[in-house]
PDB file of N, CA and C in Angstrom:
ATOM      1  N   MET A   1     146.445  98.777 -19.618  1.00  0.00           N
ATOM      2  CA  MET A   1     146.310  97.686 -18.692  1.00  0.00           C
ATOM      3  C   MET A   1     144.895  97.485 -18.220  1.00  0.00           C
ATOM      4  N   PRO A   2     143.939  97.768 -19.073  1.00  0.00           N
ATOM      5  CA  PRO A   2     142.573  97.563 -18.599  1.00  0.00           C
ATOM      6  C   PRO A   2     142.315  96.128 -18.139  1.00  0.00           C
ATOM      7  N   ILE A   3     141.694  96.013 -16.977  1.00  0.00           N
ATOM      8  CA  ILE A   3     141.193  94.738 -16.475  1.00  0.00           C
ATOM      9  C   ILE A   3     139.678  94.836 -16.571  1.00  0.00           C
ATOM     10  N   VAL A   4     139.074  93.927 -17.323  1.00  0.00           N
ATOM     11  CA  VAL A   4     137.654  94.003 -17.647  1.00  0.00           C
ATOM     12  C   VAL A   4     137.000  92.714 -17.160  1.00  0.00           C
ATOM     13  N   GLN A   5     136.153  92.825 -16.136  1.00  0.00           N
ATOM     14  CA  GLN A   5     135.531  91.656 -15.517  1.00  0.00           C
ATOM     15  C   GLN A   5     134.016  91.747 -15.662  1.00  0.00           C
ATOM     16  N   LEU A   6     133.459  90.831 -16.443  1.00  0.00           N
ATOM     17  CA  LEU A   6     132.023  90.807 -16.697  1.00  0.00           C
ATOM     18  C   LEU A   6     131.372  89.676 -15.918  1.00  0.00           C
ATOM     19  N   THR A   7     130.312  90.002 -15.203  1.00  0.00           N
ATOM     20  CA  THR A   7     129.451  89.004 -14.583  1.00  0.00           C
ATOM     21  C   THR A   7     128.069  89.196 -15.179  1.00  0.00           C
ATOM     22  N   THR A   8     127.472  88.108 -15.641  1.00  0.00           N
ATOM     23  CA  THR A   8     126.152  88.192 -16.258  1.00  0.00           C
ATOM     24  C   THR A   8     125.331  86.952 -15.922  1.00  0.00           C
ATOM     25  N   ASN A   9     124.022  87.113 -15.974  1.00  0.00           N
ATOM     26  CA  ASN A   9     123.134  85.971 -15.794  1.00  0.00           C
ATOM     27  C   ASN A   9     122.653  85.427 -17.139  1.00  0.00           C
ATOM     28  N   VAL A  10     123.262  85.906 -18.216  1.00  0.00           N
ATOM     29  CA  VAL A  10     122.946  85.423 -19.560  1.00  0.00           C
ATOM     30  C   VAL A  10     123.909  84.288 -19.895  1.00  0.00           C
ATOM     31  N   LYS A  11     123.359  83.131 -20.169  1.00  0.00           N
ATOM     32  CA  LYS A  11     124.192  81.986 -20.545  1.00  0.00           C
ATOM     33  C   LYS A  11     124.566  82.146 -22.016  1.00  0.00           C
ATOM     34  N   VAL A  12     125.860  82.179 -22.278  1.00  0.00           N
ATOM     35  CA  VAL A  12     126.328  82.327 -23.656  1.00  0.00           C
ATOM     36  C   VAL A  12     126.898  80.998 -24.138  1.00  0.00           C
ATOM     37  N   ALA A  13     126.802  80.777 -25.432  1.00  0.00           N
ATOM     38  CA  ALA A  13     127.256  79.508 -26.006  1.00  0.00           C
ATOM     39  C   ALA A  13     128.767  79.333 -25.877  1.00  0.00           C
ATOM     40  N   ASP A  14     129.509  80.424 -26.027  1.00  0.00           N
ATOM     41  CA  ASP A  14     130.967  80.334 -26.026  1.00  0.00           C
ATOM     42  C   ASP A  14     131.547  81.495 -25.220  1.00  0.00           C
ATOM     43  N   GLU A  15     131.818  81.255 -23.942  1.00  0.00           N
ATOM     44  CA  GLU A  15     132.342  82.311 -23.064  1.00  0.00           C
ATOM     45  C   GLU A  15     133.717  82.792 -23.512  1.00  0.00           C
ATOM     46  N   LYS A  16     134.535  81.900 -24.053  1.00  0.00           N
ATOM     47  CA  LYS A  16     135.857  82.312 -24.530  1.00  0.00           C
ATOM     48  C   LYS A  16     135.731  83.287 -25.696  1.00  0.00           C
ATOM     49  N   ALA A  17     134.822  83.007 -26.613  1.00  0.00           N
ATOM     50  CA  ALA A  17     134.612  83.911 -27.750  1.00  0.00           C
ATOM     51  C   ALA A  17     134.090  85.260 -27.266  1.00  0.00           C
ATOM     52  N   LEU A  18     133.177  85.250 -26.299  1.00  0.00           N
ATOM     53  CA  LEU A  18     132.669  86.506 -25.746  1.00  0.00           C
ATOM     54  C   LEU A  18     133.792  87.278 -25.070  1.00  0.00           C
ATOM     55  N   SER A  19     134.665  86.583 -24.354  1.00  0.00           N
ATOM     56  CA  SER A  19     135.790  87.237 -23.694  1.00  0.00           C
ATOM     57  C   SER A  19     136.695  87.927 -24.715  1.00  0.00           C
ATOM     58  N   LEU A  20     136.943  87.273 -25.844  1.00  0.00           N
ATOM     59  CA  LEU A  20     137.767  87.881 -26.895  1.00  0.00           C
ATOM     60  C   LEU A  20     137.060  89.062 -27.547  1.00  0.00           C
ATOM     61  N   SER A  21     135.753  88.945 -27.759  1.00  0.00           N
ATOM     62  CA  SER A  21     134.982  90.069 -28.314  1.00  0.00           C
ATOM     63  C   SER A  21     134.988  91.253 -27.359  1.00  0.00           C
ATOM     64  N   LEU A  22     134.877  90.966 -26.076  1.00  0.00           N
ATOM     65  CA  LEU A  22     134.916  92.018 -25.063  1.00  0.00           C
ATOM     66  C   LEU A  22     136.290  92.684 -25.043  1.00  0.00           C
ATOM     67  N   ALA A  23     137.349  91.904 -25.196  1.00  0.00           N
ATOM     68  CA  ALA A  23     138.705  92.469 -25.254  1.00  0.00           C
ATOM     69  C   ALA A  23     138.840  93.409 -26.449  1.00  0.00           C
ATOM     70  N   LYS A  24     138.282  93.008 -27.573  1.00  0.00           N
ATOM     71  CA  LYS A  24     138.341  93.855 -28.774  1.00  0.00           C
ATOM     72  C   LYS A  24     137.567  95.150 -28.554  1.00  0.00           C
ATOM     73  N   ALA A  25     136.377  95.052 -27.963  1.00  0.00           N
ATOM     74  CA  ALA A  25     135.574  96.252 -27.679  1.00  0.00           C
ATOM     75  C   ALA A  25     136.302  97.166 -26.699  1.00  0.00           C
ATOM     76  N   ALA A  26     136.940  96.579 -25.695  1.00  0.00           N
ATOM     77  CA  ALA A  26     137.695  97.380 -24.724  1.00  0.00           C
ATOM     78  C   ALA A  26     138.878  98.063 -25.399  1.00  0.00           C
ATOM     79  N   ALA A  27     139.556  97.353 -26.288  1.00  0.00           N
ATOM     80  CA  ALA A  27     140.693  97.943 -27.004  1.00  0.00           C
ATOM     81  C   ALA A  27     140.245  99.118 -27.859  1.00  0.00           C
ATOM     82  N   GLU A  28     139.078  98.997 -28.478  1.00  0.00           N
ATOM     83  CA  GLU A  28     138.546 100.098 -29.284  1.00  0.00           C
ATOM     84  C   GLU A  28     138.226 101.304 -28.412  1.00  0.00           C
ATOM     85  N   SER A  29     137.783 101.070 -27.202  1.00  0.00           N
ATOM     86  CA  SER A  29     137.444 102.169 -26.295  1.00  0.00           C
ATOM     87  C   SER A  29     138.664 102.757 -25.600  1.00  0.00           C
ATOM     88  N   PHE A  30     139.529 101.893 -25.076  1.00  0.00           N
ATOM     89  CA  PHE A  30     140.604 102.342 -24.190  1.00  0.00           C
ATOM     90  C   PHE A  30     142.000 102.290 -24.792  1.00  0.00           C
ATOM     91  N   GLY A  31     142.168 101.580 -25.905  1.00  0.00           N
ATOM     92  CA  GLY A  31     143.507 101.364 -26.439  1.00  0.00           C
ATOM     93  C   GLY A  31     144.201 100.265 -25.651  1.00  0.00           C
ATOM     94  N   MET A  32     145.509 100.231 -25.695  1.00  0.00           N
ATOM     95  CA  MET A  32     146.329  99.288 -24.923  1.00  0.00           C
ATOM     96  C   MET A  32     145.974  97.828 -25.196  1.00  0.00           C
ATOM     97  N   GLU A  33     145.728  97.487 -26.453  1.00  0.00           N
ATOM     98  CA  GLU A  33     145.244  96.158 -26.814  1.00  0.00           C
ATOM     99  C   GLU A  33     146.094  95.019 -26.244  1.00  0.00           C
ATOM    100  N   GLY A  34     147.399  95.158 -26.269  1.00  0.00           N
ATOM    101  CA  GLY A  34     148.271  94.092 -25.797  1.00  0.00           C
ATOM    102  C   GLY A  34     148.274  93.887 -24.296  1.00  0.00           C
ATOM    103  N   PHE A  35     147.605  94.771 -23.555  1.00  0.00           N
ATOM    104  CA  PHE A  35     147.625  94.688 -22.094  1.00  0.00           C
ATOM    105  C   PHE A  35     146.244  94.455 -21.489  1.00  0.00           C
ATOM    106  N   ILE A  36     145.236  94.241 -22.315  1.00  0.00           N
ATOM    107  CA  ILE A  36     143.876  94.068 -21.808  1.00  0.00           C
ATOM    108  C   ILE A  36     143.692  92.651 -21.271  1.00  0.00           C
ATOM    109  N   SER A  37     143.097  92.565 -20.095  1.00  0.00           N
ATOM    110  CA  SER A  37     142.742  91.286 -19.487  1.00  0.00           C
ATOM    111  C   SER A  37     141.228  91.265 -19.319  1.00  0.00           C
ATOM    112  N   THR A  38     140.576  90.245 -19.880  1.00  0.00           N
ATOM    113  CA  THR A  38     139.123  90.146 -19.740  1.00  0.00           C
ATOM    114  C   THR A  38     138.750  88.806 -19.116  1.00  0.00           C
ATOM    115  N   SER A  39     137.637  88.823 -18.407  1.00  0.00           N
ATOM    116  CA  SER A  39     137.068  87.576 -17.914  1.00  0.00           C
ATOM    117  C   SER A  39     135.553  87.690 -17.979  1.00  0.00           C
ATOM    118  N   VAL A  40     134.923  86.543 -18.215  1.00  0.00           N
ATOM    119  CA  VAL A  40     133.468  86.467 -18.289  1.00  0.00           C
ATOM    120  C   VAL A  40     133.025  85.407 -17.293  1.00  0.00           C
ATOM    121  N   SER A  41     132.124  85.787 -16.399  1.00  0.00           N
ATOM    122  CA  SER A  41     131.596  84.856 -15.401  1.00  0.00           C
ATOM    123  C   SER A  41     130.081  84.791 -15.512  1.00  0.00           C
ATOM    124  N   TYR A  42     129.576  83.574 -15.624  1.00  0.00           N
ATOM    125  CA  TYR A  42     128.132  83.360 -15.623  1.00  0.00           C
ATOM    126  C   TYR A  42     127.684  83.163 -14.183  1.00  0.00           C
ATOM    127  N   ASN A  43     126.651  83.902 -13.782  1.00  0.00           N
ATOM    128  CA  ASN A  43     126.111  83.779 -12.431  1.00  0.00           C
ATOM    129  C   ASN A  43     124.592  83.825 -12.530  1.00  0.00           C
ATOM    130  N   GLU A  44     123.978  82.665 -12.478  1.00  0.00           N
ATOM    131  CA  GLU A  44     122.525  82.595 -12.639  1.00  0.00           C
ATOM    132  C   GLU A  44     121.767  83.300 -11.521  1.00  0.00           C
ATOM    133  N   THR A  45     122.429  83.568 -10.395  1.00  0.00           N
ATOM    134  CA  THR A  45     121.747  84.235  -9.284  1.00  0.00           C
ATOM    135  C   THR A  45     121.802  85.754  -9.376  1.00  0.00           C
ATOM    136  N   LEU A  46     122.539  86.297 -10.344  1.00  0.00           N
ATOM    137  CA  LEU A  46     122.600  87.750 -10.498  1.00  0.00           C
ATOM    138  C   LEU A  46     121.199  88.281 -10.780  1.00  0.00           C
ATOM    139  N   ASN A  47     120.753  89.179  -9.936  1.00  0.00           N
ATOM    140  CA  ASN A  47     119.465  89.822 -10.197  1.00  0.00           C
ATOM    141  C   ASN A  47     119.679  91.320 -10.269  1.00  0.00           C
ATOM    142  N   PHE A  48     118.767  91.976 -10.937  1.00  0.00           N
ATOM    143  CA  PHE A  48     118.843  93.420 -11.124  1.00  0.00           C
ATOM    144  C   PHE A  48     117.421  93.950 -11.023  1.00  0.00           C
ATOM    145  N   GLY A  49     117.213  94.895 -10.147  1.00  0.00           N
ATOM    146  CA  GLY A  49     115.871  95.455  -9.990  1.00  0.00           C
ATOM    147  C   GLY A  49     114.855  94.452  -9.488  1.00  0.00           C
ATOM    148  N   GLY A  50     115.331  93.441  -8.769  1.00  0.00           N
ATOM    149  CA  GLY A  50     114.422  92.466  -8.178  1.00  0.00           C
ATOM    150  C   GLY A  50     113.984  91.353  -9.108  1.00  0.00           C
ATOM    151  N   THR A  51     114.619  91.238 -10.291  1.00  0.00           N
ATOM    152  CA  THR A  51     114.275  90.142 -11.205  1.00  0.00           C
ATOM    153  C   THR A  51     115.549  89.479 -11.717  1.00  0.00           C
ATOM    154  N   HIS A  52     115.368  88.311 -12.293  1.00  0.00           N
ATOM    155  CA  HIS A  52     116.475  87.590 -12.916  1.00  0.00           C
ATOM    156  C   HIS A  52     116.438  87.716 -14.435  1.00  0.00           C
ATOM    157  N   GLU A  53     115.770  88.739 -14.928  1.00  0.00           N
ATOM    158  CA  GLU A  53     115.815  89.022 -16.367  1.00  0.00           C
ATOM    159  C   GLU A  53     117.273  89.298 -16.740  1.00  0.00           C
ATOM    160  N   PRO A  54     117.637  89.178 -18.030  1.00  0.00           N
ATOM    161  CA  PRO A  54     119.034  89.387 -18.434  1.00  0.00           C
ATOM    162  C   PRO A  54     119.623  90.676 -17.863  1.00  0.00           C
ATOM    163  N   ALA A  55     120.820  90.531 -17.277  1.00  0.00           N
ATOM    164  CA  ALA A  55     121.485  91.661 -16.625  1.00  0.00           C
ATOM    165  C   ALA A  55     122.987  91.403 -16.596  1.00  0.00           C
ATOM    166  N   PHE A  56     123.738  92.437 -16.223  1.00  0.00           N
ATOM    167  CA  PHE A  56     125.187  92.294 -16.105  1.00  0.00           C
ATOM    168  C   PHE A  56     125.743  93.317 -15.136  1.00  0.00           C
ATOM    169  N   VAL A  57     126.950  93.048 -14.659  1.00  0.00           N
ATOM    170  CA  VAL A  57     127.772  94.011 -13.927  1.00  0.00           C
ATOM    171  C   VAL A  57     129.152  93.933 -14.565  1.00  0.00           C
ATOM    172  N   LEU A  58     129.677  95.080 -14.965  1.00  0.00           N
ATOM    173  CA  LEU A  58     131.006  95.147 -15.559  1.00  0.00           C
ATOM    174  C   LEU A  58     131.905  95.950 -14.640  1.00  0.00           C
ATOM    175  N   ASN A  59     132.991  95.337 -14.220  1.00  0.00           N
ATOM    176  CA  ASN A  59     133.971  96.005 -13.378  1.00  0.00           C
ATOM    177  C   ASN A  59     135.192  96.315 -14.235  1.00  0.00           C
ATOM    178  N   LEU A  60     135.520  97.597 -14.354  1.00  0.00           N
ATOM    179  CA  LEU A  60     136.689  98.044 -15.117  1.00  0.00           C
ATOM    180  C   LEU A  60     137.737  98.572 -14.160  1.00  0.00           C
ATOM    181  N   VAL A  61     138.959  98.111 -14.317  1.00  0.00           N
ATOM    182  CA  VAL A  61     140.080  98.622 -13.537  1.00  0.00           C
ATOM    183  C   VAL A  61     141.094  99.141 -14.549  1.00  0.00           C
ATOM    184  N   ILE A  62     141.298 100.464 -14.545  1.00  0.00           N
ATOM    185  CA  ILE A  62     142.195 101.081 -15.519  1.00  0.00           C
ATOM    186  C   ILE A  62     142.936 102.231 -14.847  1.00  0.00           C
ATOM    187  N   VAL A  63     144.249 102.192 -14.916  1.00  0.00           N
ATOM    188  CA  VAL A  63     145.058 103.288 -14.389  1.00  0.00           C
ATOM    189  C   VAL A  63     144.954 104.467 -15.349  1.00  0.00           C
ATOM    190  N   GLY A  64     144.703 105.640 -14.792  1.00  0.00           N
ATOM    191  CA  GLY A  64     144.673 106.859 -15.597  1.00  0.00           C
ATOM    192  C   GLY A  64     143.360 107.132 -16.299  1.00  0.00           C
ATOM    193  N   LEU A  65     142.270 106.590 -15.785  1.00  0.00           N
ATOM    194  CA  LEU A  65     140.964 106.862 -16.389  1.00  0.00           C
ATOM    195  C   LEU A  65     140.674 108.357 -16.383  1.00  0.00           C
ATOM    196  N   VAL A  66     140.176 108.842 -17.493  1.00  0.00           N
ATOM    197  CA  VAL A  66     139.793 110.247 -17.607  1.00  0.00           C
ATOM    198  C   VAL A  66     138.291 110.329 -17.359  1.00  0.00           C
ATOM    199  N   VAL A  67     137.905 110.930 -16.253  1.00  0.00           N
ATOM    200  CA  VAL A  67     136.504 110.965 -15.831  1.00  0.00           C
ATOM    201  C   VAL A  67     135.603 111.542 -16.921  1.00  0.00           C
ATOM    202  N   GLU A  68     136.078 112.538 -17.626  1.00  0.00           N
ATOM    203  CA  GLU A  68     135.264 113.181 -18.661  1.00  0.00           C
ATOM    204  C   GLU A  68     134.939 112.240 -19.824  1.00  0.00           C
ATOM    205  N   LYS A  69     135.635 111.139 -19.935  1.00  0.00           N
ATOM    206  CA  LYS A  69     135.388 110.173 -21.015  1.00  0.00           C
ATOM    207  C   LYS A  69     134.481 109.017 -20.597  1.00  0.00           C
ATOM    208  N   HIS A  70     134.099 108.957 -19.333  1.00  0.00           N
ATOM    209  CA  HIS A  70     133.296 107.833 -18.838  1.00  0.00           C
ATOM    210  C   HIS A  70     131.986 107.669 -19.602  1.00  0.00           C
ATOM    211  N   ASP A  71     131.294 108.766 -19.905  1.00  0.00           N
ATOM    212  CA  ASP A  71     130.023 108.655 -20.629  1.00  0.00           C
ATOM    213  C   ASP A  71     130.213 108.005 -21.994  1.00  0.00           C
ATOM    214  N   GLY A  72     131.265 108.390 -22.699  1.00  0.00           N
ATOM    215  CA  GLY A  72     131.546 107.785 -24.004  1.00  0.00           C
ATOM    216  C   GLY A  72     131.874 106.309 -23.886  1.00  0.00           C
ATOM    217  N   TYR A  73     132.683 105.965 -22.890  1.00  0.00           N
ATOM    218  CA  TYR A  73     132.998 104.558 -22.649  1.00  0.00           C
ATOM    219  C   TYR A  73     131.725 103.774 -22.326  1.00  0.00           C
ATOM    220  N   ALA A  74     130.900 104.346 -21.458  1.00  0.00           N
ATOM    221  CA  ALA A  74     129.664 103.670 -21.055  1.00  0.00           C
ATOM    222  C   ALA A  74     128.765 103.432 -22.263  1.00  0.00           C
ATOM    223  N   LYS A  75     128.601 104.438 -23.095  1.00  0.00           N
ATOM    224  CA  LYS A  75     127.739 104.297 -24.279  1.00  0.00           C
ATOM    225  C   LYS A  75     128.228 103.161 -25.169  1.00  0.00           C
ATOM    226  N   SER A  76     129.519 103.146 -25.438  1.00  0.00           N
ATOM    227  CA  SER A  76     130.098 102.112 -26.295  1.00  0.00           C
ATOM    228  C   SER A  76     129.908 100.719 -25.697  1.00  0.00           C
ATOM    229  N   LEU A  77     130.176 100.577 -24.413  1.00  0.00           N
ATOM    230  CA  LEU A  77     130.073  99.266 -23.772  1.00  0.00           C
ATOM    231  C   LEU A  77     128.624  98.814 -23.606  1.00  0.00           C
ATOM    232  N   PHE A  78     127.720  99.729 -23.270  1.00  0.00           N
ATOM    233  CA  PHE A  78     126.307  99.344 -23.188  1.00  0.00           C
ATOM    234  C   PHE A  78     125.807  98.873 -24.553  1.00  0.00           C
ATOM    235  N   ASN A  79     126.243  99.528 -25.635  1.00  0.00           N
ATOM    236  CA  ASN A  79     125.879  99.077 -26.986  1.00  0.00           C
ATOM    237  C   ASN A  79     126.405  97.669 -27.244  1.00  0.00           C
ATOM    238  N   PHE A  80     127.626  97.404 -26.802  1.00  0.00           N
ATOM    239  CA  PHE A  80     128.215  96.075 -26.955  1.00  0.00           C
ATOM    240  C   PHE A  80     127.354  95.023 -26.252  1.00  0.00           C
ATOM    241  N   PHE A  81     126.941  95.295 -25.019  1.00  0.00           N
ATOM    242  CA  PHE A  81     126.163  94.306 -24.269  1.00  0.00           C
ATOM    243  C   PHE A  81     124.768  94.107 -24.849  1.00  0.00           C
ATOM    244  N   GLU A  82     124.202  95.162 -25.402  1.00  0.00           N
ATOM    245  CA  GLU A  82     122.896  95.002 -26.053  1.00  0.00           C
ATOM    246  C   GLU A  82     123.047  94.101 -27.279  1.00  0.00           C
ATOM    247  N   LYS A  83     124.098  94.323 -28.040  1.00  0.00           N
ATOM    248  CA  LYS A  83     124.326  93.535 -29.259  1.00  0.00           C
ATOM    249  C   LYS A  83     124.730  92.099 -28.941  1.00  0.00           C
ATOM    250  N   GLU A  84     125.683  91.918 -28.042  1.00  0.00           N
ATOM    251  CA  GLU A  84     126.246  90.588 -27.779  1.00  0.00           C
ATOM    252  C   GLU A  84     125.409  89.725 -26.836  1.00  0.00           C
ATOM    253  N   LEU A  85     124.756  90.350 -25.865  1.00  0.00           N
ATOM    254  CA  LEU A  85     124.012  89.591 -24.857  1.00  0.00           C
ATOM    255  C   LEU A  85     122.505  89.817 -24.910  1.00  0.00           C
ATOM    256  N   GLY A  86     122.085  90.845 -25.639  1.00  0.00           N
ATOM    257  CA  GLY A  86     120.666  91.184 -25.653  1.00  0.00           C
ATOM    258  C   GLY A  86     120.203  91.834 -24.362  1.00  0.00           C
ATOM    259  N   VAL A  87     121.136  92.445 -23.630  1.00  0.00           N
ATOM    260  CA  VAL A  87     120.812  93.089 -22.358  1.00  0.00           C
ATOM    261  C   VAL A  87     120.671  94.586 -22.584  1.00  0.00           C
ATOM    262  N   HIS A  88     119.530  95.131 -22.215  1.00  0.00           N
ATOM    263  CA  HIS A  88     119.276  96.562 -22.375  1.00  0.00           C
ATOM    264  C   HIS A  88     120.120  97.375 -21.393  1.00  0.00           C
ATOM    265  N   SER A  89     120.369  98.613 -21.751  1.00  0.00           N
ATOM    266  CA  SER A  89     121.251  99.469 -20.948  1.00  0.00           C
ATOM    267  C   SER A  89     120.706  99.755 -19.549  1.00  0.00           C
ATOM    268  N   ASN A  90     119.416  99.558 -19.354  1.00  0.00           N
ATOM    269  CA  ASN A  90     118.856  99.788 -18.019  1.00  0.00           C
ATOM    270  C   ASN A  90     118.858  98.516 -17.157  1.00  0.00           C
ATOM    271  N   ARG A  91     119.656  97.510 -17.595  1.00  0.00           N
ATOM    272  CA  ARG A  91     119.733  96.243 -16.861  1.00  0.00           C
ATOM    273  C   ARG A  91     121.173  95.882 -16.490  1.00  0.00           C
ATOM    274  N   GLY A  92     121.996  96.914 -16.273  1.00  0.00           N
ATOM    275  CA  GLY A  92     123.366  96.622 -15.900  1.00  0.00           C
ATOM    276  C   GLY A  92     124.076  97.830 -15.334  1.00  0.00           C
ATOM    277  N   TYR A  93     125.188  97.554 -14.695  1.00  0.00           N
ATOM    278  CA  TYR A  93     126.056  98.604 -14.162  1.00  0.00           C
ATOM    279  C   TYR A  93     127.454  98.430 -14.735  1.00  0.00           C
ATOM    280  N   ILE A  94     128.106  99.562 -14.967  1.00  0.00           N
ATOM    281  CA  ILE A  94     129.525  99.587 -15.288  1.00  0.00           C
ATOM    282  C   ILE A  94     130.203 100.354 -14.164  1.00  0.00           C
ATOM    283  N   ILE A  95     131.187  99.736 -13.556  1.00  0.00           N
ATOM    284  CA  ILE A  95     131.908 100.344 -12.438  1.00  0.00           C
ATOM    285  C   ILE A  95     133.303 100.717 -12.931  1.00  0.00           C
ATOM    286  N   PHE A  96     133.619 102.001 -12.876  1.00  0.00           N
ATOM    287  CA  PHE A  96     134.916 102.508 -13.313  1.00  0.00           C
ATOM    288  C   PHE A  96     135.833 102.646 -12.096  1.00  0.00           C
ATOM    289  N   ASN A  97     136.964 101.957 -12.124  1.00  0.00           N
ATOM    290  CA  ASN A  97     137.928 102.007 -11.019  1.00  0.00           C
ATOM    291  C   ASN A  97     139.298 102.424 -11.536  1.00  0.00           C
ATOM    292  N   ASP A  98     139.890 103.417 -10.892  1.00  0.00           N
ATOM    293  CA  ASP A  98     141.279 103.791 -11.153  1.00  0.00           C
ATOM    294  C   ASP A  98     142.015 103.694  -9.822  1.00  0.00           C
ATOM    295  N   PRO A  99     142.684 102.558  -9.563  1.00  0.00           N
ATOM    296  CA  PRO A  99     143.325 102.370  -8.265  1.00  0.00           C
ATOM    297  C   PRO A  99     144.630 103.144  -8.102  1.00  0.00           C
ATOM    298  N   GLY A 100     145.124 103.725  -9.181  1.00  0.00           N
ATOM    299  CA  GLY A 100     146.414 104.412  -9.134  1.00  0.00           C
ATOM    300  C   GLY A 100     147.530 103.483  -9.577  1.00  0.00           C
ATOM    301  N   ALA A 101     148.520 104.047 -10.231  1.00  0.00           N
ATOM    302  CA  ALA A 101     149.612 103.254 -10.807  1.00  0.00           C
ATOM    303  C   ALA A 101     150.432 102.512  -9.759  1.00  0.00           C
ATOM    304  N   GLU A 102     150.447 103.014  -8.536  1.00  0.00           N
ATOM    305  CA  GLU A 102     151.226 102.352  -7.483  1.00  0.00           C
ATOM    306  C   GLU A 102     150.507 101.135  -6.905  1.00  0.00           C
ATOM    307  N   ARG A 103     149.274 100.880  -7.333  1.00  0.00           N
ATOM    308  CA  ARG A 103     148.495  99.768  -6.774  1.00  0.00           C
ATOM    309  C   ARG A 103     148.240  98.645  -7.771  1.00  0.00           C
ATOM    310  N   ILE A 104     148.882  98.696  -8.913  1.00  0.00           N
ATOM    311  CA  ILE A 104     148.748  97.633  -9.908  1.00  0.00           C
ATOM    312  C   ILE A 104     150.143  97.102 -10.219  1.00  0.00           C
ATOM    313  N   GLY A 105     150.323  95.798 -10.076  1.00  0.00           N
ATOM    314  CA  GLY A 105     151.608  95.185 -10.377  1.00  0.00           C
ATOM    315  C   GLY A 105     151.591  94.520 -11.738  1.00  0.00           C
ATOM    316  N   TYR A 106     152.745  94.545 -12.397  1.00  0.00           N
ATOM    317  CA  TYR A 106     152.902  93.895 -13.695  1.00  0.00           C
ATOM    318  C   TYR A 106     154.385  93.625 -13.916  1.00  0.00           C
ATOM    319  N   SER A 107     154.716  92.432 -14.297  1.00  0.00           N
ATOM    320  CA  SER A 107     156.081  92.072 -14.677  1.00  0.00           C
ATOM    321  C   SER A 107     157.095  92.374 -13.563  1.00  0.00           C
ATOM    322  N   GLY A 108     156.712  92.075 -12.319  1.00  0.00           N
ATOM    323  CA  GLY A 108     157.627  92.215 -11.196  1.00  0.00           C
ATOM    324  C   GLY A 108     157.783  93.615 -10.643  1.00  0.00           C
ATOM    325  N   MET A 109     156.907  94.531 -11.045  1.00  0.00           N
ATOM    326  CA  MET A 109     156.972  95.906 -10.533  1.00  0.00           C
ATOM    327  C   MET A 109     155.578  96.521 -10.614  1.00  0.00           C
ATOM    328  N   THR A 110     155.430  97.699 -10.056  1.00  0.00           N
ATOM    329  CA  THR A 110     154.153  98.394 -10.170  1.00  0.00           C
ATOM    330  C   THR A 110     154.122  99.188 -11.474  1.00  0.00           C
ATOM    331  N   TYR A 111     152.915  99.549 -11.870  1.00  0.00           N
ATOM    332  CA  TYR A 111     152.769 100.384 -13.065  1.00  0.00           C
ATOM    333  C   TYR A 111     153.452 101.730 -12.879  1.00  0.00           C
ATOM    334  N   LYS A 112     153.477 102.223 -11.654  1.00  0.00           N
ATOM    335  CA  LYS A 112     154.150 103.496 -11.387  1.00  0.00           C
ATOM    336  C   LYS A 112     155.628 103.394 -11.754  1.00  0.00           C
ATOM    337  N   THR A 113     156.272 102.321 -11.319  1.00  0.00           N
ATOM    338  CA  THR A 113     157.684 102.113 -11.646  1.00  0.00           C
ATOM    339  C   THR A 113     157.858 101.882 -13.146  1.00  0.00           C
ATOM    340  N   LEU A 114     156.974 101.097 -13.711  1.00  0.00           N
ATOM    341  CA  LEU A 114     157.050 100.767 -15.132  1.00  0.00           C
ATOM    342  C   LEU A 114     156.929 101.997 -16.023  1.00  0.00           C
ATOM    343  N   THR A 115     156.070 102.929 -15.631  1.00  0.00           N
ATOM    344  CA  THR A 115     155.822 104.102 -16.481  1.00  0.00           C
ATOM    345  C   THR A 115     156.657 105.313 -16.095  1.00  0.00           C
ATOM    346  N   SER A 116     157.548 105.167 -15.110  1.00  0.00           N
ATOM    347  CA  SER A 116     158.391 106.299 -14.689  1.00  0.00           C
ATOM    348  C   SER A 116     159.538 106.503 -15.651  1.00  0.00           C
TER     349      SER A 116
END
């Protein structure tokens, strides 16, 4: 059930195509392809380090994140952003969130109920 929310100051030609590419990259990293939700938001005011050079913030919400795997996930996703957006790894943040299965709803119930 990864929820993947990208905000960037890089204007892309096709945000829908980028969203699908991001979903594929997330599926390769996290699995659960049929449950991934991605969104891409362009924000020209996003600055990083005091400049408006290309940058991004990626917010990940995933139940059951394994902390020991964060570095591997980060490496894979930073490579994706360098390739797809031309943004260097020192120009973005990835925020890993695990709110717990009882705090995510899906199909009329929480993930805790769904996975019990």
